[in-house]
PDB file of N, CA and C in Angstrom:
ATOM      1  N   UNK A   1     -71.683 -12.245  19.836  1.00  0.00           N
ATOM      2  CA  UNK A   1     -72.082 -12.714  20.904  1.00  0.00           C
ATOM      3  C   UNK A   1     -73.236 -12.535  21.517  1.00  0.00           C
ATOM      4  N   UNK A   2     -73.748 -10.905  21.685  1.00  0.00           N
ATOM      5  CA  UNK A   2     -74.614 -10.778  22.408  1.00  0.00           C
ATOM      6  C   UNK A   2     -75.813 -11.281  21.684  1.00  0.00           C
ATOM      7  N   UNK A   3     -76.070 -11.041  20.502  1.00  0.00           N
ATOM      8  CA  UNK A   3     -76.958 -11.163  19.865  1.00  0.00           C
ATOM      9  C   UNK A   3     -77.089 -13.033  19.741  1.00  0.00           C
ATOM     10  N   UNK A   4     -76.504 -13.771  19.591  1.00  0.00           N
ATOM     11  CA  UNK A   4     -76.656 -14.913  19.447  1.00  0.00           C
ATOM     12  C   UNK A   4     -77.160 -15.185  21.075  1.00  0.00           C
ATOM     13  N   UNK A   5     -76.138 -14.655  21.828  1.00  0.00           N
ATOM     14  CA  UNK A   5     -77.290 -15.036  23.269  1.00  0.00           C
ATOM     15  C   UNK A   5     -78.694 -15.035  23.576  1.00  0.00           C
ATOM     16  N   UNK A   6     -78.742 -13.529  23.181  1.00  0.00           N
ATOM     17  CA  UNK A   6     -80.479 -13.121  23.490  1.00  0.00           C
ATOM     18  C   UNK A   6     -81.021 -13.849  22.467  1.00  0.00           C
ATOM     19  N   UNK A   7     -80.883 -14.654  21.574  1.00  0.00           N
ATOM     20  CA  UNK A   7     -81.408 -15.772  20.775  1.00  0.00           C
ATOM     21  C   UNK A   7     -81.945 -17.285  21.425  1.00  0.00           C
ATOM     22  N   UNK A   8     -80.364 -17.276  21.782  1.00  0.00           N
ATOM     23  CA  UNK A   8     -80.505 -18.674  22.907  1.00  0.00           C
ATOM     24  C   UNK A   8     -81.444 -17.950  24.185  1.00  0.00           C
ATOM     25  N   UNK A   9     -81.519 -17.569  24.595  1.00  0.00           N
ATOM     26  CA  UNK A   9     -82.216 -17.187  25.862  1.00  0.00           C
ATOM     27  C   UNK A   9     -83.895 -17.190  25.481  1.00  0.00           C
ATOM     28  N   UNK A  10     -84.153 -16.491  23.869  1.00  0.00           N
ATOM     29  CA  UNK A  10     -85.734 -16.857  23.739  1.00  0.00           C
ATOM     30  C   UNK A  10     -85.955 -18.254  23.349  1.00  0.00           C
ATOM     31  N   UNK A  11     -85.149 -18.432  22.581  1.00  0.00           N
ATOM     32  CA  UNK A  11     -85.056 -20.166  21.963  1.00  0.00           C
ATOM     33  C   UNK A  11     -85.299 -20.971  23.628  1.00  0.00           C
ATOM     34  N   UNK A  12     -84.742 -21.201  24.404  1.00  0.00           N
ATOM     35  CA  UNK A  12     -84.673 -21.731  25.190  1.00  0.00           C
ATOM     36  C   UNK A  12     -85.300 -21.589  26.285  1.00  0.00           C
ATOM     37  N   UNK A  13     -86.192 -20.545  26.582  1.00  0.00           N
ATOM     38  CA  UNK A  13     -87.621 -20.159  27.328  1.00  0.00           C
ATOM     39  C   UNK A  13     -88.707 -20.617  26.600  1.00  0.00           C
ATOM     40  N   UNK A  14     -88.686 -20.752  25.198  1.00  0.00           N
ATOM     41  CA  UNK A  14     -89.449 -21.373  24.480  1.00  0.00           C
ATOM     42  C   UNK A  14     -89.869 -22.966  24.749  1.00  0.00           C
ATOM     43  N   UNK A  15     -88.731 -23.056  23.749  1.00  0.00           N
ATOM     44  CA  UNK A  15     -88.926 -24.987  23.804  1.00  0.00           C
ATOM     45  C   UNK A  15     -88.564 -26.089  25.048  1.00  0.00           C
ATOM     46  N   UNK A  16     -88.480 -24.990  25.881  1.00  0.00           N
ATOM     47  CA  UNK A  16     -88.136 -25.704  27.327  1.00  0.00           C
ATOM     48  C   UNK A  16     -89.097 -25.534  28.395  1.00  0.00           C
ATOM     49  N   UNK A  17     -90.639 -24.952  27.824  1.00  0.00           N
ATOM     50  CA  UNK A  17     -91.545 -24.775  28.408  1.00  0.00           C
ATOM     51  C   UNK A  17     -92.749 -26.549  28.525  1.00  0.00           C
ATOM     52  N   UNK A  18     -93.346 -26.635  29.662  1.00  0.00           N
ATOM     53  CA  UNK A  18     -93.483 -27.440  29.766  1.00  0.00           C
ATOM     54  C   UNK A  18     -94.709 -27.925  29.018  1.00  0.00           C
ATOM     55  N   UNK A  19     -95.315 -27.128  27.981  1.00  0.00           N
ATOM     56  CA  UNK A  19     -96.020 -27.093  26.787  1.00  0.00           C
ATOM     57  C   UNK A  19     -95.959 -28.226  25.887  1.00  0.00           C
ATOM     58  N   UNK A  20     -94.230 -28.251  26.257  1.00  0.00           N
ATOM     59  CA  UNK A  20     -93.855 -29.101  24.627  1.00  0.00           C
ATOM     60  C   UNK A  20     -93.703 -30.769  25.512  1.00  0.00           C
ATOM     61  N   UNK A  21     -94.139 -30.944  26.906  1.00  0.00           N
ATOM     62  CA  UNK A  21     -94.034 -31.710  27.481  1.00  0.00           C
ATOM     63  C   UNK A  21     -92.576 -32.701  27.538  1.00  0.00           C
ATOM     64  N   UNK A  22     -91.827 -31.935  27.641  1.00  0.00           N
ATOM     65  CA  UNK A  22     -90.189 -32.042  27.912  1.00  0.00           C
ATOM     66  C   UNK A  22     -90.043 -32.906  26.572  1.00  0.00           C
ATOM     67  N   UNK A  23     -90.347 -32.443  25.410  1.00  0.00           N
ATOM     68  CA  UNK A  23     -89.691 -33.157  24.243  1.00  0.00           C
ATOM     69  C   UNK A  23     -88.266 -32.722  23.993  1.00  0.00           C
ATOM     70  N   UNK A  24     -87.855 -31.462  24.569  1.00  0.00           N
ATOM     71  CA  UNK A  24     -86.655 -31.350  23.667  1.00  0.00           C
ATOM     72  C   UNK A  24     -86.023 -31.248  25.295  1.00  0.00           C
ATOM     73  N   UNK A  25     -84.977 -32.384  25.124  1.00  0.00           N
ATOM     74  CA  UNK A  25     -84.257 -32.892  26.087  1.00  0.00           C
ATOM     75  C   UNK A  25     -82.736 -31.984  26.149  1.00  0.00           C
ATOM     76  N   UNK A  26     -82.267 -31.334  24.818  1.00  0.00           N
ATOM     77  CA  UNK A  26     -80.937 -30.771  24.773  1.00  0.00           C
ATOM     78  C   UNK A  26     -81.189 -28.906  24.313  1.00  0.00           C
ATOM     79  N   UNK A  27     -80.231 -28.395  24.215  1.00  0.00           N
ATOM     80  CA  UNK A  27     -80.475 -27.177  23.727  1.00  0.00           C
ATOM     81  C   UNK A  27     -78.751 -26.892  23.081  1.00  0.00           C
ATOM     82  N   UNK A  28     -78.666 -27.462  21.436  1.00  0.00           N
ATOM     83  CA  UNK A  28     -77.335 -27.035  20.797  1.00  0.00           C
ATOM     84  C   UNK A  28     -76.810 -25.534  21.211  1.00  0.00           C
ATOM     85  N   UNK A  29     -75.885 -24.936  21.453  1.00  0.00           N
ATOM     86  CA  UNK A  29     -75.871 -23.230  21.301  1.00  0.00           C
ATOM     87  C   UNK A  29     -75.230 -22.760  20.231  1.00  0.00           C
ATOM     88  N   UNK A  30     -74.593 -23.893  19.670  1.00  0.00           N
ATOM     89  CA  UNK A  30     -73.897 -23.476  18.036  1.00  0.00           C
ATOM     90  C   UNK A  30     -73.565 -24.964  17.362  1.00  0.00           C
ATOM     91  N   UNK A  31     -73.861 -24.611  15.994  1.00  0.00           N
ATOM     92  CA  UNK A  31     -73.958 -25.616  15.373  1.00  0.00           C
ATOM     93  C   UNK A  31     -72.734 -25.749  14.447  1.00  0.00           C
ATOM     94  N   UNK A  32     -71.409 -26.526  15.063  1.00  0.00           N
ATOM     95  CA  UNK A  32     -70.348 -26.837  13.730  1.00  0.00           C
ATOM     96  C   UNK A  32     -69.470 -25.608  13.480  1.00  0.00           C
ATOM     97  N   UNK A  33     -69.167 -24.914  14.559  1.00  0.00           N
ATOM     98  CA  UNK A  33     -68.101 -23.510  14.350  1.00  0.00           C
ATOM     99  C   UNK A  33     -66.956 -24.116  13.846  1.00  0.00           C
ATOM    100  N   UNK A  34     -66.084 -23.308  12.964  1.00  0.00           N
ATOM    101  CA  UNK A  34     -65.019 -24.105  12.535  1.00  0.00           C
ATOM    102  C   UNK A  34     -63.945 -22.834  12.532  1.00  0.00           C
ATOM    103  N   UNK A  35     -63.373 -22.758  13.810  1.00  0.00           N
ATOM    104  CA  UNK A  35     -62.328 -21.832  13.890  1.00  0.00           C
ATOM    105  C   UNK A  35     -61.075 -21.789  13.133  1.00  0.00           C
ATOM    106  N   UNK A  36     -60.332 -20.761  13.106  1.00  0.00           N
ATOM    107  CA  UNK A  36     -59.252 -21.098  12.492  1.00  0.00           C
ATOM    108  C   UNK A  36     -57.964 -20.939  12.735  1.00  0.00           C
ATOM    109  N   UNK A  37     -57.980 -20.041  14.120  1.00  0.00           N
ATOM    110  CA  UNK A  37     -57.178 -19.770  14.667  1.00  0.00           C
ATOM    111  C   UNK A  37     -57.422 -20.075  16.571  1.00  0.00           C
ATOM    112  N   UNK A  38     -56.032 -20.261  17.157  1.00  0.00           N
ATOM    113  CA  UNK A  38     -56.278 -20.779  18.357  1.00  0.00           C
ATOM    114  C   UNK A  38     -57.076 -19.135  19.431  1.00  0.00           C
ATOM    115  N   UNK A  39     -57.113 -18.276  18.361  1.00  0.00           N
ATOM    116  CA  UNK A  39     -57.311 -17.156  19.430  1.00  0.00           C
ATOM    117  C   UNK A  39     -58.993 -17.613  19.298  1.00  0.00           C
ATOM    118  N   UNK A  40     -59.477 -17.639  17.790  1.00  0.00           N
ATOM    119  CA  UNK A  40     -60.796 -18.214  17.730  1.00  0.00           C
ATOM    120  C   UNK A  40     -61.866 -19.253  18.515  1.00  0.00           C
ATOM    121  N   UNK A  41     -60.579 -20.270  19.043  1.00  0.00           N
ATOM    122  CA  UNK A  41     -61.070 -21.200  19.739  1.00  0.00           C
ATOM    123  C   UNK A  41     -60.850 -20.768  21.311  1.00  0.00           C
ATOM    124  N   UNK A  42     -60.134 -19.693  21.457  1.00  0.00           N
ATOM    125  CA  UNK A  42     -60.462 -18.651  23.144  1.00  0.00           C
ATOM    126  C   UNK A  42     -61.725 -18.313  22.900  1.00  0.00           C
ATOM    127  N   UNK A  43     -62.152 -17.561  21.946  1.00  0.00           N
ATOM    128  CA  UNK A  43     -63.119 -17.161  21.767  1.00  0.00           C
ATOM    129  C   UNK A  43     -64.637 -18.045  22.065  1.00  0.00           C
ATOM    130  N   UNK A  44     -64.524 -18.945  21.466  1.00  0.00           N
ATOM    131  CA  UNK A  44     -65.670 -20.298  21.168  1.00  0.00           C
ATOM    132  C   UNK A  44     -65.784 -20.563  22.325  1.00  0.00           C
ATOM    133  N   UNK A  45     -64.857 -20.817  23.443  1.00  0.00           N
ATOM    134  CA  UNK A  45     -64.950 -21.460  24.782  1.00  0.00           C
ATOM    135  C   UNK A  45     -65.276 -20.151  25.472  1.00  0.00           C
ATOM    136  N   UNK A  46     -65.163 -19.107  25.677  1.00  0.00           N
ATOM    137  CA  UNK A  46     -65.992 -17.981  26.420  1.00  0.00           C
ATOM    138  C   UNK A  46     -67.186 -17.969  25.965  1.00  0.00           C
ATOM    139  N   UNK A  47     -67.555 -18.226  24.627  1.00  0.00           N
ATOM    140  CA  UNK A  47     -69.211 -17.891  24.249  1.00  0.00           C
ATOM    141  C   UNK A  47     -69.639 -19.219  24.855  1.00  0.00           C
ATOM    142  N   UNK A  48     -68.912 -20.440  24.551  1.00  0.00           N
ATOM    143  CA  UNK A  48     -69.423 -21.567  25.534  1.00  0.00           C
ATOM    144  C   UNK A  48     -69.932 -21.466  27.227  1.00  0.00           C
ATOM    145  N   UNK A  49     -68.930 -20.711  27.555  1.00  0.00           N
ATOM    146  CA  UNK A  49     -69.831 -20.505  29.225  1.00  0.00           C
ATOM    147  C   UNK A  49     -70.396 -19.610  29.167  1.00  0.00           C
ATOM    148  N   UNK A  50     -70.374 -18.297  28.633  1.00  0.00           N
ATOM    149  CA  UNK A  50     -71.770 -17.611  28.241  1.00  0.00           C
ATOM    150  C   UNK A  50     -73.142 -18.107  28.238  1.00  0.00           C
ATOM    151  N   UNK A  51     -73.305 -19.094  27.052  1.00  0.00           N
ATOM    152  CA  UNK A  51     -73.994 -19.670  26.314  1.00  0.00           C
ATOM    153  C   UNK A  51     -74.465 -20.670  27.696  1.00  0.00           C
ATOM    154  N   UNK A  52     -73.776 -21.313  28.518  1.00  0.00           N
ATOM    155  CA  UNK A  52     -74.178 -22.051  29.267  1.00  0.00           C
ATOM    156  C   UNK A  52     -75.103 -21.457  30.194  1.00  0.00           C
ATOM    157  N   UNK A  53     -74.632 -20.346  30.806  1.00  0.00           N
ATOM    158  CA  UNK A  53     -75.319 -19.497  32.093  1.00  0.00           C
ATOM    159  C   UNK A  53     -76.656 -18.908  31.531  1.00  0.00           C
ATOM    160  N   UNK A  54     -76.646 -18.533  30.179  1.00  0.00           N
ATOM    161  CA  UNK A  54     -77.774 -18.095  29.410  1.00  0.00           C
ATOM    162  C   UNK A  54     -78.894 -19.401  29.672  1.00  0.00           C
ATOM    163  N   UNK A  55     -78.547 -20.581  28.721  1.00  0.00           N
ATOM    164  CA  UNK A  55     -79.870 -21.548  28.893  1.00  0.00           C
ATOM    165  C   UNK A  55     -79.845 -22.324  30.436  1.00  0.00           C
ATOM    166  N   UNK A  56     -79.078 -22.159  31.133  1.00  0.00           N
ATOM    167  CA  UNK A  56     -79.118 -22.607  32.696  1.00  0.00           C
ATOM    168  C   UNK A  56     -80.724 -21.501  33.271  1.00  0.00           C
ATOM    169  N   UNK A  57     -79.915 -20.002  33.052  1.00  0.00           N
ATOM    170  CA  UNK A  57     -80.946 -18.948  33.467  1.00  0.00           C
ATOM    171  C   UNK A  57     -82.430 -19.156  32.909  1.00  0.00           C
ATOM    172  N   UNK A  58     -82.079 -19.267  31.358  1.00  0.00           N
ATOM    173  CA  UNK A  58     -83.775 -19.513  30.611  1.00  0.00           C
ATOM    174  C   UNK A  58     -84.681 -20.744  30.614  1.00  0.00           C
ATOM    175  N   UNK A  59     -83.728 -22.050  30.928  1.00  0.00           N
ATOM    176  CA  UNK A  59     -84.750 -22.985  30.617  1.00  0.00           C
ATOM    177  C   UNK A  59     -85.698 -22.829  32.025  1.00  0.00           C
ATOM    178  N   UNK A  60     -86.661 -23.855  31.252  1.00  0.00           N
ATOM    179  CA  UNK A  60     -87.997 -23.758  32.300  1.00  0.00           C
ATOM    180  C   UNK A  60     -88.176 -25.172  33.032  1.00  0.00           C
ATOM    181  N   UNK A  61     -87.101 -25.833  32.937  1.00  0.00           N
ATOM    182  CA  UNK A  61     -86.874 -26.876  33.837  1.00  0.00           C
ATOM    183  C   UNK A  61     -85.243 -27.363  33.833  1.00  0.00           C
ATOM    184  N   UNK A  62     -84.823 -27.988  34.779  1.00  0.00           N
ATOM    185  CA  UNK A  62     -83.686 -28.166  34.704  1.00  0.00           C
ATOM    186  C   UNK A  62     -82.649 -28.979  34.184  1.00  0.00           C
ATOM    187  N   UNK A  63     -83.861 -29.982  33.804  1.00  0.00           N
ATOM    188  CA  UNK A  63     -82.789 -31.102  33.257  1.00  0.00           C
ATOM    189  C   UNK A  63     -82.423 -31.265  31.721  1.00  0.00           C
ATOM    190  N   UNK A  64     -82.549 -30.092  31.155  1.00  0.00           N
ATOM    191  CA  UNK A  64     -82.224 -29.675  30.116  1.00  0.00           C
ATOM    192  C   UNK A  64     -80.698 -29.588  29.486  1.00  0.00           C
ATOM    193  N   UNK A  65     -80.218 -30.255  29.181  1.00  0.00           N
ATOM    194  CA  UNK A  65     -78.544 -30.394  28.972  1.00  0.00           C
ATOM    195  C   UNK A  65     -77.766 -29.537  27.552  1.00  0.00           C
ATOM    196  N   UNK A  66     -77.071 -28.915  28.014  1.00  0.00           N
ATOM    197  CA  UNK A  66     -76.204 -28.001  27.174  1.00  0.00           C
ATOM    198  C   UNK A  66     -75.472 -29.119  26.151  1.00  0.00           C
ATOM    199  N   UNK A  67     -75.655 -28.445  24.673  1.00  0.00           N
ATOM    200  CA  UNK A  67     -74.459 -29.682  23.894  1.00  0.00           C
ATOM    201  C   UNK A  67     -73.615 -28.026  23.305  1.00  0.00           C
ATOM    202  N   UNK A  68     -72.552 -28.540  23.371  1.00  0.00           N
ATOM    203  CA  UNK A  68     -71.664 -27.785  22.444  1.00  0.00           C
ATOM    204  C   UNK A  68     -70.606 -28.433  21.720  1.00  0.00           C
ATOM    205  N   UNK A  69     -70.400 -27.934  20.570  1.00  0.00           N
ATOM    206  CA  UNK A  69     -69.810 -28.589  19.249  1.00  0.00           C
ATOM    207  C   UNK A  69     -68.736 -28.283  19.240  1.00  0.00           C
ATOM    208  N   UNK A  70     -67.771 -29.693  19.177  1.00  0.00           N
ATOM    209  CA  UNK A  70     -65.996 -29.592  19.190  1.00  0.00           C
ATOM    210  C   UNK A  70     -65.733 -28.983  18.412  1.00  0.00           C
ATOM    211  N   UNK A  71     -66.041 -28.207  17.270  1.00  0.00           N
ATOM    212  CA  UNK A  71     -65.912 -27.428  16.235  1.00  0.00           C
ATOM    213  C   UNK A  71     -64.562 -27.723  15.433  1.00  0.00           C
ATOM    214  N   UNK A  72     -64.815 -29.429  15.097  1.00  0.00           N
ATOM    215  CA  UNK A  72     -63.190 -30.024  14.499  1.00  0.00           C
ATOM    216  C   UNK A  72     -62.085 -30.091  14.996  1.00  0.00           C
ATOM    217  N   UNK A  73     -62.019 -29.841  16.607  1.00  0.00           N
ATOM    218  CA  UNK A  73     -60.566 -29.727  16.922  1.00  0.00           C
ATOM    219  C   UNK A  73     -60.753 -30.427  17.461  1.00  0.00           C
ATOM    220  N   UNK A  74     -60.825 -31.884  17.814  1.00  0.00           N
ATOM    221  CA  UNK A  74     -60.408 -32.776  18.421  1.00  0.00           C
ATOM    222  C   UNK A  74     -60.847 -32.885  20.080  1.00  0.00           C
ATOM    223  N   UNK A  75     -60.523 -34.259  20.453  1.00  0.00           N
ATOM    224  CA  UNK A  75     -61.022 -34.296  21.784  1.00  0.00           C
ATOM    225  C   UNK A  75     -59.981 -33.597  22.810  1.00  0.00           C
ATOM    226  N   UNK A  76     -58.846 -33.553  22.354  1.00  0.00           N
ATOM    227  CA  UNK A  76     -57.549 -32.703  23.197  1.00  0.00           C
ATOM    228  C   UNK A  76     -58.324 -31.697  23.773  1.00  0.00           C
ATOM    229  N   UNK A  77     -58.575 -30.764  22.721  1.00  0.00           N
ATOM    230  CA  UNK A  77     -59.036 -29.252  22.854  1.00  0.00           C
ATOM    231  C   UNK A  77     -59.825 -29.240  23.838  1.00  0.00           C
ATOM    232  N   UNK A  78     -60.799 -29.814  24.011  1.00  0.00           N
ATOM    233  CA  UNK A  78     -61.880 -30.140  25.336  1.00  0.00           C
ATOM    234  C   UNK A  78     -61.606 -30.687  26.593  1.00  0.00           C
ATOM    235  N   UNK A  79     -60.405 -31.259  26.416  1.00  0.00           N
ATOM    236  CA  UNK A  79     -60.100 -31.949  27.520  1.00  0.00           C
ATOM    237  C   UNK A  79     -60.219 -30.770  28.944  1.00  0.00           C
ATOM    238  N   UNK A  80     -60.993 -31.075  29.856  1.00  0.00           N
ATOM    239  CA  UNK A  80     -60.940 -30.735  31.016  1.00  0.00           C
ATOM    240  C   UNK A  80     -62.020 -29.379  31.174  1.00  0.00           C
ATOM    241  N   UNK A  81     -62.250 -29.308  30.025  1.00  0.00           N
ATOM    242  CA  UNK A  81     -62.967 -28.287  29.950  1.00  0.00           C
ATOM    243  C   UNK A  81     -64.736 -28.190  30.212  1.00  0.00           C
ATOM    244  N   UNK A  82     -65.166 -27.524  30.807  1.00  0.00           N
ATOM    245  CA  UNK A  82     -67.065 -27.823  31.645  1.00  0.00           C
ATOM    246  C   UNK A  82     -66.932 -29.152  32.034  1.00  0.00           C
ATOM    247  N   UNK A  83     -66.339 -29.082  32.893  1.00  0.00           N
ATOM    248  CA  UNK A  83     -66.273 -30.672  33.686  1.00  0.00           C
ATOM    249  C   UNK A  83     -67.207 -30.169  35.113  1.00  0.00           C
ATOM    250  N   UNK A  84     -67.368 -31.418  35.796  1.00  0.00           N
ATOM    251  CA  UNK A  84     -67.897 -31.175  36.821  1.00  0.00           C
ATOM    252  C   UNK A  84     -67.014 -31.221  38.148  1.00  0.00           C
ATOM    253  N   UNK A  85     -67.566 -30.509  38.929  1.00  0.00           N
ATOM    254  CA  UNK A  85     -69.009 -29.916  39.907  1.00  0.00           C
ATOM    255  C   UNK A  85     -69.193 -28.645  39.009  1.00  0.00           C
ATOM    256  N   UNK A  86     -68.833 -28.005  38.833  1.00  0.00           N
ATOM    257  CA  UNK A  86     -69.189 -26.910  38.422  1.00  0.00           C
ATOM    258  C   UNK A  86     -69.773 -26.328  37.393  1.00  0.00           C
ATOM    259  N   UNK A  87     -69.721 -27.641  35.975  1.00  0.00           N
ATOM    260  CA  UNK A  87     -70.618 -27.368  35.201  1.00  0.00           C
ATOM    261  C   UNK A  87     -71.444 -29.181  35.226  1.00  0.00           C
ATOM    262  N   UNK A  88     -72.566 -28.932  34.699  1.00  0.00           N
ATOM    263  CA  UNK A  88     -73.703 -30.107  34.887  1.00  0.00           C
ATOM    264  C   UNK A  88     -74.469 -30.348  34.020  1.00  0.00           C
ATOM    265  N   UNK A  89     -74.949 -31.531  33.023  1.00  0.00           N
ATOM    266  CA  UNK A  89     -75.549 -31.526  31.755  1.00  0.00           C
ATOM    267  C   UNK A  89     -75.255 -30.824  31.090  1.00  0.00           C
ATOM    268  N   UNK A  90     -73.847 -31.285  30.360  1.00  0.00           N
ATOM    269  CA  UNK A  90     -73.336 -30.549  29.371  1.00  0.00           C
ATOM    270  C   UNK A  90     -72.876 -32.042  28.297  1.00  0.00           C
ATOM    271  N   UNK A  91     -73.233 -31.967  27.407  1.00  0.00           N
ATOM    272  CA  UNK A  91     -72.716 -32.948  26.081  1.00  0.00           C
ATOM    273  C   UNK A  91     -71.925 -32.276  24.940  1.00  0.00           C
ATOM    274  N   UNK A  92     -70.814 -32.736  24.337  1.00  0.00           N
ATOM    275  CA  UNK A  92     -70.173 -32.400  23.188  1.00  0.00           C
ATOM    276  C   UNK A  92     -70.280 -33.070  21.893  1.00  0.00           C
ATOM    277  N   UNK A  93     -70.949 -32.730  21.489  1.00  0.00           N
ATOM    278  CA  UNK A  93     -71.164 -33.064  19.929  1.00  0.00           C
ATOM    279  C   UNK A  93     -70.050 -32.913  19.286  1.00  0.00           C
ATOM    280  N   UNK A  94     -69.582 -34.617  19.003  1.00  0.00           N
ATOM    281  CA  UNK A  94     -68.889 -34.786  17.753  1.00  0.00           C
ATOM    282  C   UNK A  94     -68.502 -34.899  16.786  1.00  0.00           C
ATOM    283  N   UNK A  95     -68.687 -34.530  15.639  1.00  0.00           N
ATOM    284  CA  UNK A  95     -69.235 -34.694  14.338  1.00  0.00           C
ATOM    285  C   UNK A  95     -68.490 -35.714  14.200  1.00  0.00           C
ATOM    286  N   UNK A  96     -67.196 -35.413  14.430  1.00  0.00           N
ATOM    287  CA  UNK A  96     -66.032 -36.377  13.667  1.00  0.00           C
ATOM    288  C   UNK A  96     -66.357 -37.737  13.536  1.00  0.00           C
ATOM    289  N   UNK A  97     -66.762 -37.949  14.969  1.00  0.00           N
ATOM    290  CA  UNK A  97     -67.231 -39.462  15.586  1.00  0.00           C
ATOM    291  C   UNK A  97     -68.515 -39.779  14.666  1.00  0.00           C
ATOM    292  N   UNK A  98     -69.213 -38.782  14.693  1.00  0.00           N
ATOM    293  CA  UNK A  98     -70.849 -39.634  14.080  1.00  0.00           C
ATOM    294  C   UNK A  98     -70.260 -39.665  12.688  1.00  0.00           C
ATOM    295  N   UNK A  99     -69.350 -39.085  11.854  1.00  0.00           N
ATOM    296  CA  UNK A  99     -68.932 -38.758  10.291  1.00  0.00           C
ATOM    297  C   UNK A  99     -68.501 -40.383  10.317  1.00  0.00           C
ATOM    298  N   UNK A 100     -67.372 -40.864  11.232  1.00  0.00           N
ATOM    299  CA  UNK A 100     -66.757 -41.990  11.215  1.00  0.00           C
ATOM    300  C   UNK A 100     -67.763 -43.306  10.980  1.00  0.00           C
ATOM    301  N   UNK A 101     -69.279 -42.990  12.040  1.00  0.00           N
ATOM    302  CA  UNK A 101     -69.991 -44.090  11.774  1.00  0.00           C
ATOM    303  C   UNK A 101     -70.381 -44.092  10.527  1.00  0.00           C
ATOM    304  N   UNK A 102     -70.789 -42.917  10.059  1.00  0.00           N
ATOM    305  CA  UNK A 102     -71.902 -42.665   8.452  1.00  0.00           C
ATOM    306  C   UNK A 102     -70.793 -43.362   7.323  1.00  0.00           C
ATOM    307  N   UNK A 103     -69.655 -43.069   7.569  1.00  0.00           N
ATOM    308  CA  UNK A 103     -68.439 -43.584   6.215  1.00  0.00           C
ATOM    309  C   UNK A 103     -68.369 -44.704   6.305  1.00  0.00           C
ATOM    310  N   UNK A 104     -68.136 -45.554   7.383  1.00  0.00           N
ATOM    311  CA  UNK A 104     -67.844 -46.675   7.640  1.00  0.00           C
ATOM    312  C   UNK A 104     -68.399 -47.889   6.099  1.00  0.00           C
TER     313      UNK A 104
END
């Protein structure tokens, strides 16, 4: 986890720099994790909390969205997770929804 958070810090600081003209509007902290057990989902949620803090501290503008992946868990697994007011500008990437649109 520490290594990934360190990488997120560097990437966020670089790509939220104003020299990019605010073209990066979101940072997805992990792409398509696939937890196999409930303990791995719990670990993933802890990682998302830490990653959110990392992105918020490293971002050079406050409007960047922190994107988290649903990890193929379905919407129920994320009900009430990272909600306002404690968390802001969080997006849940639901690959399943996208796949449904592609395969129809």
